[in-house]
Amino acid sequence: MLLELRRMKANELKKGMVFQMGGQNIVVKHVQVQAPSSRSGNTLYKLRGQDVSSRQKFERSFKGEENIEQVDISRRAVQLLYRDADGCTFMDAESYEQYTLADAVVVDELPFLSDGLEGISALISDSILLGIELPATVVLDIEECAPGMKAASSSARTKPATLSTGLVVQVPEYLTPGEKIKVNTETREFISRA
């Protein structure tokens, strides 16, 4: 699998970019700039990311002038078509091309994937699907939880709720089965009713 690489400096890295290091394709999740504490010090770029295929977390600091190999990728809007024994099959929203990813590749995204989910992006390089990116929030149905308490306030205690995809999140006590809620895909936390 030959990916198209472009040399760049670490100070050009931004959230969402993909670069190659040690044979891994890392998608940048967060960049923190640390200014030097002395005159001769270098500005450091603390980077948090994730390997596109293995989903391993990646953390490292770079000096601004360090060279990095950026992977040329394109983001395409895709939709989940179906899930079977081979994994998840996605369809490109424009070209209708289909891509299949093994469940092991999308294991972190599976609890959020549901029929009709919008905002999924495929990370593609040289016609090869490297992985997918979820939207920041998704709307899911509460399947199972303790009965709602009428006197519960929104700032009161929480209870576990099982959602339509099998994901379990903590929700306020006043919510009941059948309600739609917004969930943050990065923190896996309840945000609000949908």
Protein backbone atom coordinates (compact mmCIF):
# COMPACT_ATOMS: atom_id res chain seq x y z
CA MET A 1 0.00 0.00 0.00
CA LEU A 2 1.79 3.12 -1.22
CA LEU A 3 0.50 6.38 0.15
CA GLU A 4 1.33 9.78 -1.27
CA LEU A 5 3.47 11.69 1.25
CA ARG A 6 4.38 15.36 1.46
CA ARG A 7 7.17 16.76 3.67
CA MET A 8 6.11 19.51 6.07
CA LYS A 9 7.23 21.14 9.32
CA ALA A 10 5.72 20.20 12.70
CA ASN A 11 4.52 23.79 13.21
CA GLU A 12 2.14 23.33 10.24
CA LEU A 13 0.22 20.45 11.87
CA LYS A 14 -3.47 21.06 12.49
CA LYS A 15 -6.34 19.02 13.90
CA GLY A 16 -7.68 16.50 11.34
CA MET A 17 -4.42 16.14 9.37
CA VAL A 18 -2.87 12.70 8.88
CA PHE A 19 0.88 12.10 8.99
CA GLN A 20 3.10 9.04 8.88
CA MET A 21 5.53 8.11 11.64
CA GLY A 22 7.17 4.74 12.20
CA GLY A 23 4.94 3.05 9.64
CA GLN A 24 1.77 4.32 11.34
CA ASN A 25 -0.73 6.76 9.86
CA ILE A 26 -1.64 9.13 12.69
CA VAL A 27 -4.71 11.37 12.59
CA VAL A 28 -4.18 14.57 14.65
CA LYS A 29 -6.82 15.01 17.39
CA HIS A 30 -5.28 17.90 19.37
CA VAL A 31 -2.28 20.26 19.04
CA GLN A 32 -1.04 22.29 22.02
CA VAL A 33 1.63 24.95 21.46
CA GLN A 34 4.14 25.48 24.27
CA ALA A 35 6.13 28.70 24.04
CA PRO A 36 9.80 28.53 25.04
CA SER A 37 10.69 29.52 28.60
CA SER A 38 14.14 30.79 27.64
CA ARG A 39 15.52 32.81 24.74
CA SER A 40 17.29 29.90 23.12
CA GLY A 41 14.41 27.47 23.71
CA ASN A 42 12.32 26.04 20.91
CA THR A 43 8.56 26.24 20.64
CA LEU A 44 7.15 22.76 21.27
CA TYR A 45 4.05 21.31 19.64
CA LYS A 46 2.44 18.70 21.91
CA LEU A 47 0.40 16.43 19.73
CA ARG A 48 -2.34 13.96 20.63
CA GLY A 49 -3.57 11.65 17.93
CA GLN A 50 -4.58 8.15 17.01
CA ASP A 51 -3.32 5.51 14.60
CA VAL A 52 -5.90 5.31 11.79
CA SER A 53 -5.93 1.51 11.55
CA SER A 54 -5.03 0.16 15.03
CA ARG A 55 -6.73 3.03 16.95
CA GLN A 56 -3.75 3.19 19.35
CA LYS A 57 -3.38 6.54 21.07
CA PHE A 58 -0.37 8.62 20.02
CA GLU A 59 1.26 11.41 22.04
CA ARG A 60 4.49 13.19 21.27
CA SER A 61 6.11 16.63 21.38
CA PHE A 62 7.75 18.05 18.27
CA LYS A 63 10.04 21.04 17.77
CA GLY A 64 8.54 23.50 15.27
CA GLU A 65 11.23 22.90 12.64
CA GLU A 66 11.07 19.07 12.74
CA ASN A 67 10.17 17.45 9.42
CA ILE A 68 7.02 15.34 9.22
CA GLU A 69 5.63 13.24 6.38
CA GLN A 70 2.03 14.33 5.78
CA VAL A 71 -0.23 11.73 4.15
CA ASP A 72 -2.31 13.15 1.31
CA ILE A 73 -5.85 12.16 2.18
CA SER A 74 -9.25 13.17 1.02
CA ARG A 75 -12.36 13.22 3.18
CA ARG A 76 -15.49 11.93 1.51
CA ALA A 77 -19.00 11.96 2.94
CA VAL A 78 -20.15 8.36 3.43
CA GLN A 79 -23.17 6.62 4.87
CA LEU A 80 -23.39 3.27 6.65
CA LEU A 81 -25.11 0.84 4.27
CA TYR A 82 -25.10 -2.33 6.36
CA ARG A 83 -23.16 -4.40 8.86
CA ASP A 84 -22.43 -8.10 8.39
CA ALA A 85 -19.83 -10.78 9.27
CA ASP A 86 -17.21 -9.02 7.09
CA GLY A 87 -17.59 -5.70 8.90
CA CYS A 88 -19.25 -2.40 8.03
CA THR A 89 -19.96 -1.34 4.46
CA PHE A 90 -20.09 2.37 3.69
CA MET A 91 -21.27 4.11 0.53
CA ASP A 92 -19.79 7.31 -0.88
CA ALA A 93 -22.57 9.93 -0.93
CA GLU A 94 -21.49 11.30 -4.34
CA SER A 95 -19.96 8.46 -6.38
CA TYR A 96 -21.97 5.63 -4.71
CA GLU A 97 -18.71 3.67 -4.43
CA GLN A 98 -18.77 1.13 -1.59
CA TYR A 99 -16.04 0.51 1.01
CA THR A 100 -15.93 -2.26 3.61
CA LEU A 101 -14.02 -1.96 6.86
CA ALA A 102 -13.52 -4.85 9.28
CA ASP A 103 -15.15 -4.44 12.70
CA ALA A 104 -11.66 -4.43 14.27
CA VAL A 105 -10.79 -1.24 12.32
CA VAL A 106 -13.93 0.62 13.47
CA VAL A 107 -14.22 -0.89 16.96
CA ASP A 108 -14.23 2.57 18.62
CA GLU A 109 -16.87 3.91 16.22
CA LEU A 110 -19.25 0.89 16.37
CA PRO A 111 -21.18 2.11 19.46
CA PHE A 112 -22.19 5.22 17.49
CA LEU A 113 -22.98 3.73 14.08
CA SER A 114 -26.69 3.54 13.35
CA ASP A 115 -28.85 3.53 10.23
CA GLY A 116 -29.20 6.97 8.68
CA LEU A 117 -26.32 8.53 10.65
CA GLU A 118 -25.20 11.67 8.81
CA GLY A 119 -21.82 13.39 8.93
CA ILE A 120 -19.52 10.36 8.65
CA SER A 121 -16.31 11.10 6.72
CA ALA A 122 -14.13 8.47 5.08
CA LEU A 123 -10.37 9.06 5.15
CA ILE A 124 -9.16 7.96 1.70
CA SER A 125 -5.65 7.92 0.26
CA ASP A 126 -4.88 6.52 -3.21
CA SER A 127 -8.36 4.90 -3.41
CA ILE A 128 -7.68 3.07 -0.13
CA LEU A 129 -10.05 3.61 2.80
CA LEU A 130 -7.84 4.20 5.86
CA GLY A 131 -10.67 4.73 8.35
CA ILE A 132 -13.69 6.86 9.19
CA GLU A 133 -14.34 10.00 11.22
CA LEU A 134 -17.57 10.44 13.14
CA PRO A 135 -19.41 13.73 13.61
CA ALA A 136 -18.77 15.46 16.98
CA THR A 137 -22.22 14.43 18.25
CA VAL A 138 -24.75 11.75 17.34
CA VAL A 139 -28.42 11.29 18.23
CA LEU A 140 -29.33 7.87 19.66
CA ASP A 141 -32.45 6.34 21.26
CA ILE A 142 -32.54 5.23 24.90
CA GLU A 143 -33.49 1.53 24.81
CA GLU A 144 -33.24 0.66 28.47
CA CYS A 145 -32.88 2.55 31.77
CA ALA A 146 -34.51 2.84 35.17
CA PRO A 147 -37.93 4.56 35.08
CA GLY A 148 -37.87 8.36 34.89
CA MET A 149 -38.44 10.27 38.13
CA LYS A 150 -40.90 13.13 37.81
CA ALA A 151 -39.36 15.15 40.66
CA ALA A 152 -35.79 14.79 39.34
CA SER A 153 -34.14 18.01 38.26
CA SER A 154 -31.72 18.35 35.36
CA SER A 155 -28.76 18.85 37.71
CA ALA A 156 -29.61 15.87 39.90
CA ARG A 157 -28.07 12.41 39.92
CA THR A 158 -27.53 10.26 36.87
CA LYS A 159 -28.34 6.67 35.96
CA PRO A 160 -26.94 4.30 33.33
CA ALA A 161 -28.89 4.06 30.06
CA THR A 162 -28.40 1.51 27.28
CA LEU A 163 -28.75 3.12 23.86
CA SER A 164 -29.99 1.64 20.56
CA THR A 165 -26.42 0.71 19.49
CA GLY A 166 -25.55 -1.00 22.80
CA LEU A 167 -23.55 1.96 24.16
CA VAL A 168 -24.13 2.63 27.88
CA VAL A 169 -23.94 6.27 29.04
CA GLN A 170 -24.86 8.12 32.22
CA VAL A 171 -28.03 10.21 31.77
CA PRO A 172 -30.09 12.43 34.12
CA GLU A 173 -32.72 10.59 36.18
CA TYR A 174 -35.68 12.29 34.45
CA LEU A 175 -35.06 10.56 31.07
CA THR A 176 -37.10 7.51 30.07
CA PRO A 177 -36.75 4.68 27.50
CA GLY A 178 -37.70 5.75 23.97
CA GLU A 179 -36.30 9.29 24.25
CA LYS A 180 -33.66 10.56 21.82
CA ILE A 181 -30.46 12.03 23.24
CA LYS A 182 -27.30 13.69 21.89
CA VAL A 183 -24.01 11.97 22.77
CA ASN A 184 -20.47 13.35 22.35
CA THR A 185 -18.56 10.83 20.18
CA GLU A 186 -15.16 11.68 21.68
CA THR A 187 -16.01 11.65 25.40
CA ARG A 188 -18.97 9.22 25.13
CA GLU A 189 -21.01 11.48 27.40
CA PHE A 190 -24.64 12.65 27.40
CA ILE A 191 -25.02 16.22 26.11
CA SER A 192 -28.76 16.90 25.91
CA ARG A 193 -32.13 15.68 24.72
CA ALA A 194 -32.39 15.66 20.94
